[in-house]
Amino acid sequence: MMVGGGVLVLFNWHRSLGALLLFGIIFPAPFFLHHFWNETDSYTRLSEFAHFIKDLSLSGAALLLLS
């Protein structure tokens, strides 16, 4: 779905649908993949938090493609 959404956005063919596909995949991913709140080691917690924030910012970029 990420490849399909990226292709739709890249070729400007149903761009809003492509952006919604990207957002729909990217937004829930950090909540399932990066559980920084469960980590006890400070380095691992910081690393997971950085990836969590990165994924949230990518979902925000996908929302910007809608406008």
PDB file of N, CA and C in Angstrom:
ATOM      1  N   MET A   1       0.821  -1.193   0.000  1.00  0.00           N
ATOM      2  CA  MET A   1       0.000   0.000   0.000  1.00  0.00           C
ATOM      3  C   MET A   1       0.865   1.256   0.000  1.00  0.00           C
ATOM      4  N   MET A   2       2.028   1.176   0.655  1.00  0.00           N
ATOM      5  CA  MET A   2       2.899   2.345   0.656  1.00  0.00           C
ATOM      6  C   MET A   2       3.439   2.619  -0.738  1.00  0.00           C
ATOM      7  N   VAL A   3       3.784   1.565  -1.460  1.00  0.00           N
ATOM      8  CA  VAL A   3       4.283   1.752  -2.825  1.00  0.00           C
ATOM      9  C   VAL A   3       3.175   2.308  -3.711  1.00  0.00           C
ATOM     10  N   GLY A   4       1.985   1.764  -3.578  1.00  0.00           N
ATOM     11  CA  GLY A   4       0.862   2.257  -4.364  1.00  0.00           C
ATOM     12  C   GLY A   4       0.536   3.713  -4.072  1.00  0.00           C
ATOM     13  N   GLY A   5       0.510   4.067  -2.793  1.00  0.00           N
ATOM     14  CA  GLY A   5       0.254   5.462  -2.429  1.00  0.00           C
ATOM     15  C   GLY A   5       1.355   6.381  -2.917  1.00  0.00           C
ATOM     16  N   GLY A   6       2.590   5.915  -2.820  1.00  0.00           N
ATOM     17  CA  GLY A   6       3.709   6.730  -3.297  1.00  0.00           C
ATOM     18  C   GLY A   6       3.668   6.938  -4.801  1.00  0.00           C
ATOM     19  N   VAL A   7       3.291   5.908  -5.534  1.00  0.00           N
ATOM     20  CA  VAL A   7       3.188   6.030  -6.992  1.00  0.00           C
ATOM     21  C   VAL A   7       2.059   6.981  -7.363  1.00  0.00           C
ATOM     22  N   LEU A   8       0.928   6.882  -6.673  1.00  0.00           N
ATOM     23  CA  LEU A   8      -0.182   7.802  -6.954  1.00  0.00           C
ATOM     24  C   LEU A   8       0.210   9.246  -6.706  1.00  0.00           C
ATOM     25  N   VAL A   9       0.942   9.496  -5.637  1.00  0.00           N
ATOM     26  CA  VAL A   9       1.375  10.861  -5.335  1.00  0.00           C
ATOM     27  C   VAL A   9       2.453  11.308  -6.318  1.00  0.00           C
ATOM     28  N   LEU A  10       3.380  10.420  -6.636  1.00  0.00           N
ATOM     29  CA  LEU A  10       4.495  10.760  -7.523  1.00  0.00           C
ATOM     30  C   LEU A  10       4.015  11.180  -8.900  1.00  0.00           C
ATOM     31  N   PHE A  11       3.070  10.442  -9.450  1.00  0.00           N
ATOM     32  CA  PHE A  11       2.586  10.746 -10.796  1.00  0.00           C
ATOM     33  C   PHE A  11       1.368  11.662 -10.798  1.00  0.00           C
ATOM     34  N   ASN A  12       0.998  12.184  -9.617  1.00  0.00           N
ATOM     35  CA  ASN A  12      -0.101  13.149  -9.475  1.00  0.00           C
ATOM     36  C   ASN A  12      -1.399  12.590 -10.065  1.00  0.00           C
ATOM     37  N   TRP A  13      -1.628  11.313  -9.849  1.00  0.00           N
ATOM     38  CA  TRP A  13      -2.832  10.651 -10.325  1.00  0.00           C
ATOM     39  C   TRP A  13      -3.586  10.184  -9.093  1.00  0.00           C
ATOM     40  N   HIS A  14      -4.714  10.799  -8.793  1.00  0.00           N
ATOM     41  CA  HIS A  14      -5.467  10.563  -7.554  1.00  0.00           C
ATOM     42  C   HIS A  14      -4.557  10.819  -6.346  1.00  0.00           C
ATOM     43  N   ARG A  15      -3.993  12.004  -6.337  1.00  0.00           N
ATOM     44  CA  ARG A  15      -3.013  12.363  -5.312  1.00  0.00           C
ATOM     45  C   ARG A  15      -3.582  12.294  -3.902  1.00  0.00           C
ATOM     46  N   SER A  16      -4.827  12.729  -3.731  1.00  0.00           N
ATOM     47  CA  SER A  16      -5.410  12.698  -2.383  1.00  0.00           C
ATOM     48  C   SER A  16      -5.636  11.265  -1.907  1.00  0.00           C
ATOM     49  N   LEU A  17      -6.005  10.367  -2.798  1.00  0.00           N
ATOM     50  CA  LEU A  17      -6.155   8.966  -2.427  1.00  0.00           C
ATOM     51  C   LEU A  17      -4.801   8.372  -2.033  1.00  0.00           C
ATOM     52  N   GLY A  18      -3.767   8.711  -2.783  1.00  0.00           N
ATOM     53  CA  GLY A  18      -2.425   8.242  -2.447  1.00  0.00           C
ATOM     54  C   GLY A  18      -1.959   8.762  -1.104  1.00  0.00           C
ATOM     55  N   ALA A  19      -2.249  10.037  -0.828  1.00  0.00           N
ATOM     56  CA  ALA A  19      -1.864  10.611   0.462  1.00  0.00           C
ATOM     57  C   ALA A  19      -2.627   9.951   1.607  1.00  0.00           C
ATOM     58  N   LEU A  20      -3.900   9.641   1.386  1.00  0.00           N
ATOM     59  CA  LEU A  20      -4.670   8.948   2.419  1.00  0.00           C
ATOM     60  C   LEU A  20      -4.156   7.529   2.657  1.00  0.00           C
ATOM     61  N   LEU A  21      -3.754   6.858   1.594  1.00  0.00           N
ATOM     62  CA  LEU A  21      -3.165   5.524   1.754  1.00  0.00           C
ATOM     63  C   LEU A  21      -1.885   5.594   2.575  1.00  0.00           C
ATOM     64  N   LEU A  22      -1.038   6.567   2.251  1.00  0.00           N
ATOM     65  CA  LEU A  22       0.210   6.722   2.999  1.00  0.00           C
ATOM     66  C   LEU A  22      -0.070   7.050   4.459  1.00  0.00           C
ATOM     67  N   PHE A  23      -0.991   7.958   4.704  1.00  0.00           N
ATOM     68  CA  PHE A  23      -1.321   8.323   6.075  1.00  0.00           C
ATOM     69  C   PHE A  23      -1.912   7.135   6.831  1.00  0.00           C
ATOM     70  N   GLY A  24      -2.776   6.379   6.172  1.00  0.00           N
ATOM     71  CA  GLY A  24      -3.416   5.243   6.820  1.00  0.00           C
ATOM     72  C   GLY A  24      -2.440   4.150   7.227  1.00  0.00           C
ATOM     73  N   ILE A  25      -1.328   4.041   6.526  1.00  0.00           N
ATOM     74  CA  ILE A  25      -0.317   3.053   6.872  1.00  0.00           C
ATOM     75  C   ILE A  25       0.687   3.615   7.877  1.00  0.00           C
ATOM     76  N   ILE A  26       1.106   4.858   7.671  1.00  0.00           N
ATOM     77  CA  ILE A  26       2.186   5.420   8.488  1.00  0.00           C
ATOM     78  C   ILE A  26       1.703   5.832   9.878  1.00  0.00           C
ATOM     79  N   PHE A  27       0.498   6.379  10.002  1.00  0.00           N
ATOM     80  CA  PHE A  27       0.062   6.893  11.301  1.00  0.00           C
ATOM     81  C   PHE A  27      -0.066   5.828  12.387  1.00  0.00           C
ATOM     82  N   PRO A  28      -0.701   4.694  12.156  1.00  0.00           N
ATOM     83  CA  PRO A  28      -0.816   3.722  13.260  1.00  0.00           C
ATOM     84  C   PRO A  28       0.462   2.934  13.526  1.00  0.00           C
ATOM     85  N   ALA A  29       1.401   2.942  12.607  1.00  0.00           N
ATOM     86  CA  ALA A  29       2.609   2.122  12.745  1.00  0.00           C
ATOM     87  C   ALA A  29       3.410   2.412  14.014  1.00  0.00           C
ATOM     88  N   PRO A  30       3.680   3.668  14.382  1.00  0.00           N
ATOM     89  CA  PRO A  30       4.506   3.874  15.581  1.00  0.00           C
ATOM     90  C   PRO A  30       3.857   3.382  16.864  1.00  0.00           C
ATOM     91  N   PHE A  31       2.546   3.368  16.908  1.00  0.00           N
ATOM     92  CA  PHE A  31       1.868   2.905  18.115  1.00  0.00           C
ATOM     93  C   PHE A  31       1.991   1.390  18.305  1.00  0.00           C
ATOM     94  N   PHE A  32       2.215   0.678  17.211  1.00  0.00           N
ATOM     95  CA  PHE A  32       2.379  -0.773  17.281  1.00  0.00           C
ATOM     96  C   PHE A  32       3.837  -1.206  17.278  1.00  0.00           C
ATOM     97  N   LEU A  33       4.724  -0.387  16.730  1.00  0.00           N
ATOM     98  CA  LEU A  33       6.115  -0.796  16.556  1.00  0.00           C
ATOM     99  C   LEU A  33       7.073  -0.214  17.579  1.00  0.00           C
ATOM    100  N   HIS A  34       6.836   0.989  18.049  1.00  0.00           N
ATOM    101  CA  HIS A  34       7.817   1.686  18.879  1.00  0.00           C
ATOM    102  C   HIS A  34       7.246   1.955  20.275  1.00  0.00           C
ATOM    103  N   HIS A  35       7.333   0.968  21.141  1.00  0.00           N
ATOM    104  CA  HIS A  35       6.813   1.079  22.508  1.00  0.00           C
ATOM    105  C   HIS A  35       7.900   1.633  23.431  1.00  0.00           C
ATOM    106  N   PHE A  36       8.207   2.922  23.267  1.00  0.00           N
ATOM    107  CA  PHE A  36       9.270   3.514  24.069  1.00  0.00           C
ATOM    108  C   PHE A  36       8.880   3.609  25.535  1.00  0.00           C
ATOM    109  N   TRP A  37       7.596   3.654  25.824  1.00  0.00           N
ATOM    110  CA  TRP A  37       7.135   3.791  27.206  1.00  0.00           C
ATOM    111  C   TRP A  37       7.350   2.516  28.020  1.00  0.00           C
ATOM    112  N   ASN A  38       7.602   1.397  27.371  1.00  0.00           N
ATOM    113  CA  ASN A  38       7.848   0.137  28.076  1.00  0.00           C
ATOM    114  C   ASN A  38       9.330  -0.152  28.289  1.00  0.00           C
ATOM    115  N   GLU A  39      10.197   0.623  27.677  1.00  0.00           N
ATOM    116  CA  GLU A  39      11.632   0.363  27.753  1.00  0.00           C
ATOM    117  C   GLU A  39      12.205   0.827  29.085  1.00  0.00           C
ATOM    118  N   THR A  40      13.156   0.062  29.613  1.00  0.00           N
ATOM    119  CA  THR A  40      13.811   0.428  30.874  1.00  0.00           C
ATOM    120  C   THR A  40      15.192   1.027  30.642  1.00  0.00           C
ATOM    121  N   ASP A  41      15.858   0.598  29.581  1.00  0.00           N
ATOM    122  CA  ASP A  41      17.177   1.141  29.257  1.00  0.00           C
ATOM    123  C   ASP A  41      17.010   2.532  28.636  1.00  0.00           C
ATOM    124  N   SER A  42      17.768   3.506  29.109  1.00  0.00           N
ATOM    125  CA  SER A  42      17.581   4.883  28.652  1.00  0.00           C
ATOM    126  C   SER A  42      17.951   5.046  27.178  1.00  0.00           C
ATOM    127  N   TYR A  43      19.008   4.355  26.715  1.00  0.00           N
ATOM    128  CA  TYR A  43      19.395   4.479  25.310  1.00  0.00           C
ATOM    129  C   TYR A  43      18.326   3.876  24.401  1.00  0.00           C
ATOM    130  N   THR A  44      17.812   2.727  24.762  1.00  0.00           N
ATOM    131  CA  THR A  44      16.768   2.085  23.963  1.00  0.00           C
ATOM    132  C   THR A  44      15.499   2.919  23.966  1.00  0.00           C
ATOM    133  N   ARG A  45      15.163   3.489  25.106  1.00  0.00           N
ATOM    134  CA  ARG A  45      13.979   4.344  25.195  1.00  0.00           C
ATOM    135  C   ARG A  45      14.118   5.564  24.292  1.00  0.00           C
ATOM    136  N   LEU A  46      15.288   6.194  24.311  1.00  0.00           N
ATOM    137  CA  LEU A  46      15.517   7.367  23.474  1.00  0.00           C
ATOM    138  C   LEU A  46      15.475   7.005  21.994  1.00  0.00           C
ATOM    139  N   SER A  47      16.054   5.860  21.653  1.00  0.00           N
ATOM    140  CA  SER A  47      16.047   5.415  20.264  1.00  0.00           C
ATOM    141  C   SER A  47      14.621   5.126  19.790  1.00  0.00           C
ATOM    142  N   GLU A  48      13.856   4.427  20.590  1.00  0.00           N
ATOM    143  CA  GLU A  48      12.467   4.132  20.218  1.00  0.00           C
ATOM    144  C   GLU A  48      11.629   5.407  20.139  1.00  0.00           C
ATOM    145  N   PHE A  49      11.882   6.355  21.048  1.00  0.00           N
ATOM    146  CA  PHE A  49      11.155   7.617  21.019  1.00  0.00           C
ATOM    147  C   PHE A  49      11.482   8.396  19.744  1.00  0.00           C
ATOM    148  N   ALA A  50      12.739   8.390  19.340  1.00  0.00           N
ATOM    149  CA  ALA A  50      13.130   9.088  18.111  1.00  0.00           C
ATOM    150  C   ALA A  50      12.431   8.484  16.899  1.00  0.00           C
ATOM    151  N   HIS A  51      12.363   7.170  16.840  1.00  0.00           N
ATOM    152  CA  HIS A  51      11.669   6.521  15.733  1.00  0.00           C
ATOM    153  C   HIS A  51      10.162   6.783  15.797  1.00  0.00           C
ATOM    154  N   PHE A  52       9.608   6.833  16.983  1.00  0.00           N
ATOM    155  CA  PHE A  52       8.187   7.139  17.172  1.00  0.00           C
ATOM    156  C   PHE A  52       7.865   8.529  16.619  1.00  0.00           C
ATOM    157  N   ILE A  53       8.662   9.514  16.999  1.00  0.00           N
ATOM    158  CA  ILE A  53       8.444  10.887  16.537  1.00  0.00           C
ATOM    159  C   ILE A  53       8.670  11.008  15.036  1.00  0.00           C
ATOM    160  N   LYS A  54       9.662  10.289  14.516  1.00  0.00           N
ATOM    161  CA  LYS A  54       9.935  10.312  13.080  1.00  0.00           C
ATOM    162  C   LYS A  54       8.735   9.791  12.300  1.00  0.00           C
ATOM    163  N   ASP A  55       8.157   8.691  12.751  1.00  0.00           N
ATOM    164  CA  ASP A  55       6.999   8.135  12.057  1.00  0.00           C
ATOM    165  C   ASP A  55       5.785   9.053  12.151  1.00  0.00           C
ATOM    166  N   LEU A  56       5.608   9.704  13.281  1.00  0.00           N
ATOM    167  CA  LEU A  56       4.502  10.658  13.395  1.00  0.00           C
ATOM    168  C   LEU A  56       4.710  11.860  12.473  1.00  0.00           C
ATOM    169  N   SER A  57       5.949  12.305  12.330  1.00  0.00           N
ATOM    170  CA  SER A  57       6.205  13.432  11.433  1.00  0.00           C
ATOM    171  C   SER A  57       5.996  13.031   9.979  1.00  0.00           C
ATOM    172  N   LEU A  58       6.315  11.793   9.629  1.00  0.00           N
ATOM    173  CA  LEU A  58       6.041  11.323   8.266  1.00  0.00           C
ATOM    174  C   LEU A  58       4.546  11.250   7.995  1.00  0.00           C
ATOM    175  N   SER A  59       3.765  10.890   9.000  1.00  0.00           N
ATOM    176  CA  SER A  59       2.312  10.876   8.796  1.00  0.00           C
ATOM    177  C   SER A  59       1.786  12.306   8.643  1.00  0.00           C
ATOM    178  N   GLY A  60       2.385  13.254   9.343  1.00  0.00           N
ATOM    179  CA  GLY A  60       2.011  14.655   9.147  1.00  0.00           C
ATOM    180  C   GLY A  60       2.356  15.140   7.746  1.00  0.00           C
ATOM    181  N   ALA A  61       3.483  14.688   7.214  1.00  0.00           N
ATOM    182  CA  ALA A  61       3.846  15.047   5.842  1.00  0.00           C
ATOM    183  C   ALA A  61       2.840  14.466   4.849  1.00  0.00           C
ATOM    184  N   ALA A  62       2.358  13.263   5.126  1.00  0.00           N
ATOM    185  CA  ALA A  62       1.334  12.677   4.248  1.00  0.00           C
ATOM    186  C   ALA A  62       0.045  13.501   4.305  1.00  0.00           C
ATOM    187  N   LEU A  63      -0.284  14.043   5.473  1.00  0.00           N
ATOM    188  CA  LEU A  63      -1.461  14.916   5.572  1.00  0.00           C
ATOM    189  C   LEU A  63      -1.258  16.213   4.801  1.00  0.00           C
ATOM    190  N   LEU A  64      -0.024  16.714   4.794  1.00  0.00           N
ATOM    191  CA  LEU A  64       0.241  17.929   4.025  1.00  0.00           C
ATOM    192  C   LEU A  64       0.058  17.710   2.523  1.00  0.00           C
ATOM    193  N   LEU A  65       0.255  16.488   2.073  1.00  0.00           N
ATOM    194  CA  LEU A  65       0.046  16.206   0.659  1.00  0.00           C
ATOM    195  C   LEU A  65      -1.429  16.318   0.271  1.00  0.00           C
ATOM    196  N   LEU A  66      -2.312  16.236   1.248  1.00  0.00           N
ATOM    197  CA  LEU A  66      -3.747  16.369   0.957  1.00  0.00           C
ATOM    198  C   LEU A  66      -4.135  17.803   0.600  1.00  0.00           C
ATOM    199  N   SER A  67      -3.373  18.751   1.096  1.00  0.00           N
ATOM    200  CA  SER A  67      -3.758  20.155   0.846  1.00  0.00           C
ATOM    201  C   SER A  67      -3.260  20.671  -0.488  1.00  0.00           C
TER     202      SER A  67
END
